[in-house]
């Protein structure tokens, strides 16, 4: 159960329909905006924790030493894989972070929330981006 579901369960209807003012700010927020902001903050905290995990660090160091074609091969090896574990989560996040660290556009496989392994990718050197190959 996510943080927004927990908030919705315990927040009275009067809170859900009321508006909030940010401290020292003229910005008015509704309940959905507050939940959205909390969800983003939770996601960022979760990502920071993951990046401090030893397995994430191992993958990140390994990917930092690879050339871009090698990273693409590693990505394509995950395509259509049905298995899921915490190790794969560390692997995939470290791989995505390495592409982004190098300034590679990952919008073909990452929408800001989830990474897609539906299609293999190729690297478009002219546009410095990953392109779905299938």
Protein backbone atom coordinates (compact mmCIF):
# COMPACT_ATOMS: atom_id res chain seq x y z
CA UNK A 1 0.00 0.00 0.00
CA UNK A 2 1.44 3.33 -1.06
CA UNK A 3 1.60 6.51 0.95
CA UNK A 4 -1.24 8.11 -1.01
CA UNK A 5 -3.58 5.19 -0.23
CA UNK A 6 -2.69 5.40 3.45
CA UNK A 7 -3.35 9.15 3.48
CA UNK A 8 -6.67 8.69 1.69
CA UNK A 9 -7.80 6.06 4.19
CA UNK A 10 -7.01 8.14 7.26
CA UNK A 11 -7.70 11.66 6.00
CA UNK A 12 -11.20 12.87 6.87
CA UNK A 13 -13.40 14.14 4.04
CA UNK A 14 -13.08 17.69 5.39
CA UNK A 15 -9.32 17.54 4.81
CA UNK A 16 -9.60 15.93 1.39
CA UNK A 17 -11.84 18.72 0.12
CA UNK A 18 -10.10 21.64 1.85
CA UNK A 19 -7.25 23.75 0.54
CA UNK A 20 -3.85 24.30 2.15
CA UNK A 21 -1.47 27.21 2.12
CA UNK A 22 2.24 26.53 2.03
CA UNK A 23 4.11 28.24 4.87
CA UNK A 24 5.33 31.70 3.81
CA UNK A 25 3.93 31.17 0.33
CA UNK A 26 0.86 32.41 -1.53
CA UNK A 27 0.57 28.99 -3.23
CA UNK A 28 -2.71 27.23 -2.59
CA UNK A 29 -2.75 23.44 -2.64
CA UNK A 30 -5.53 20.88 -2.67
CA UNK A 31 -5.33 17.43 -1.14
CA UNK A 32 -4.36 15.74 -4.42
CA UNK A 33 -1.40 18.12 -4.83
CA UNK A 34 -0.25 17.46 -1.27
CA UNK A 35 -0.44 13.69 -1.85
CA UNK A 36 1.38 14.03 -5.19
CA UNK A 37 4.18 16.04 -3.56
CA UNK A 38 4.48 13.53 -0.72
CA UNK A 39 4.61 10.67 -3.25
CA UNK A 40 7.44 12.39 -5.17
CA UNK A 41 9.37 13.02 -1.94
CA UNK A 42 8.88 9.38 -0.90
CA UNK A 43 10.13 8.22 -4.30
CA UNK A 44 13.22 10.44 -4.02
CA UNK A 45 13.97 9.14 -0.52
CA UNK A 46 13.55 5.56 -1.74
CA UNK A 47 15.96 6.24 -4.63
CA UNK A 48 18.54 7.74 -2.25
CA UNK A 49 18.34 4.68 0.00
CA UNK A 50 18.77 2.42 -3.02
CA UNK A 51 21.81 4.37 -4.19
CA UNK A 52 23.45 3.84 -0.81
CA UNK A 53 22.94 0.07 -0.94
CA UNK A 54 26.12 -1.95 -1.53
CA UNK A 55 24.61 -3.96 -4.40
CA UNK A 56 23.57 -0.78 -6.21
CA UNK A 57 27.11 0.56 -5.73
CA UNK A 58 28.64 -2.63 -7.15
CA UNK A 59 26.49 -2.39 -10.28
CA UNK A 60 27.11 1.36 -10.61
CA UNK A 61 30.88 0.87 -10.47
CA UNK A 62 30.72 -1.93 -13.03
CA UNK A 63 28.58 0.15 -15.42
CA UNK A 64 30.82 3.21 -15.01
CA UNK A 65 33.67 1.21 -16.56
CA UNK A 66 31.65 0.10 -19.59
CA UNK A 67 31.43 1.65 -23.04
CA UNK A 68 27.98 2.70 -24.30
CA UNK A 69 27.59 -0.33 -26.63
CA UNK A 70 28.28 -2.59 -23.65
CA UNK A 71 25.61 -0.80 -21.60
CA UNK A 72 23.13 -1.26 -24.45
CA UNK A 73 23.97 -4.97 -24.55
CA UNK A 74 23.36 -5.21 -20.79
CA UNK A 75 20.01 -3.44 -21.21
CA UNK A 76 18.98 -5.71 -24.08
CA UNK A 77 19.83 -8.79 -22.02
CA UNK A 78 17.00 -7.75 -19.66
CA UNK A 79 14.38 -7.45 -22.43
CA UNK A 80 11.38 -9.71 -21.88
CA UNK A 81 12.85 -11.05 -18.64
CA UNK A 82 10.05 -12.13 -16.32
CA UNK A 83 12.14 -12.50 -13.17
CA UNK A 84 12.12 -9.83 -10.51
CA UNK A 85 14.12 -9.41 -7.32
CA UNK A 86 15.75 -6.68 -5.29
CA UNK A 87 19.04 -7.43 -7.07
CA UNK A 88 17.40 -6.76 -10.42
CA UNK A 89 16.00 -3.51 -9.05
CA UNK A 90 19.51 -2.40 -8.03
CA UNK A 91 20.87 -3.51 -11.41
CA UNK A 92 18.21 -1.71 -13.44
CA UNK A 93 18.39 1.50 -11.42
CA UNK A 94 22.19 1.60 -11.66
CA UNK A 95 21.98 0.98 -15.41
CA UNK A 96 19.43 3.76 -15.90
CA UNK A 97 21.49 6.12 -13.73
CA UNK A 98 24.60 5.40 -15.80
CA UNK A 99 22.83 6.18 -19.07
CA UNK A 100 21.54 9.43 -17.56
CA UNK A 101 24.91 10.29 -15.99
CA UNK A 102 26.36 10.21 -19.49
CA UNK A 103 23.65 12.56 -20.72
CA UNK A 104 21.94 9.92 -22.84
CA UNK A 105 18.24 10.53 -23.49
CA UNK A 106 16.41 7.55 -22.00
CA UNK A 107 12.86 8.68 -22.79
CA UNK A 108 12.32 5.67 -25.09
CA UNK A 109 12.59 3.34 -22.09
CA UNK A 110 11.97 5.52 -19.02
CA UNK A 111 8.98 7.79 -18.41
CA UNK A 112 10.21 9.29 -15.15
CA UNK A 113 8.59 6.60 -13.03
CA UNK A 114 9.15 3.20 -14.62
CA UNK A 115 11.62 1.61 -16.99
CA UNK A 116 10.35 -0.54 -19.86
CA UNK A 117 12.11 -3.68 -21.04
CA UNK A 118 9.49 -4.52 -23.67
CA UNK A 119 11.74 -3.85 -26.68
CA UNK A 120 15.48 -4.01 -27.23
CA UNK A 121 17.19 -0.68 -27.83
CA UNK A 122 20.01 0.70 -29.92
CA UNK A 123 22.11 3.78 -29.29
CA UNK A 124 21.63 6.71 -31.66
CA UNK A 125 25.00 8.46 -31.47
CA UNK A 126 23.87 11.48 -33.52
CA UNK A 127 21.07 12.33 -31.06
CA UNK A 128 22.73 10.80 -27.98
CA UNK A 129 19.65 8.76 -27.14
CA UNK A 130 18.33 5.25 -26.81
CA UNK A 131 15.91 4.21 -29.55
CA UNK A 132 13.47 1.28 -29.37
CA UNK A 133 14.60 -1.38 -31.81
CA UNK A 134 11.51 -3.46 -32.41
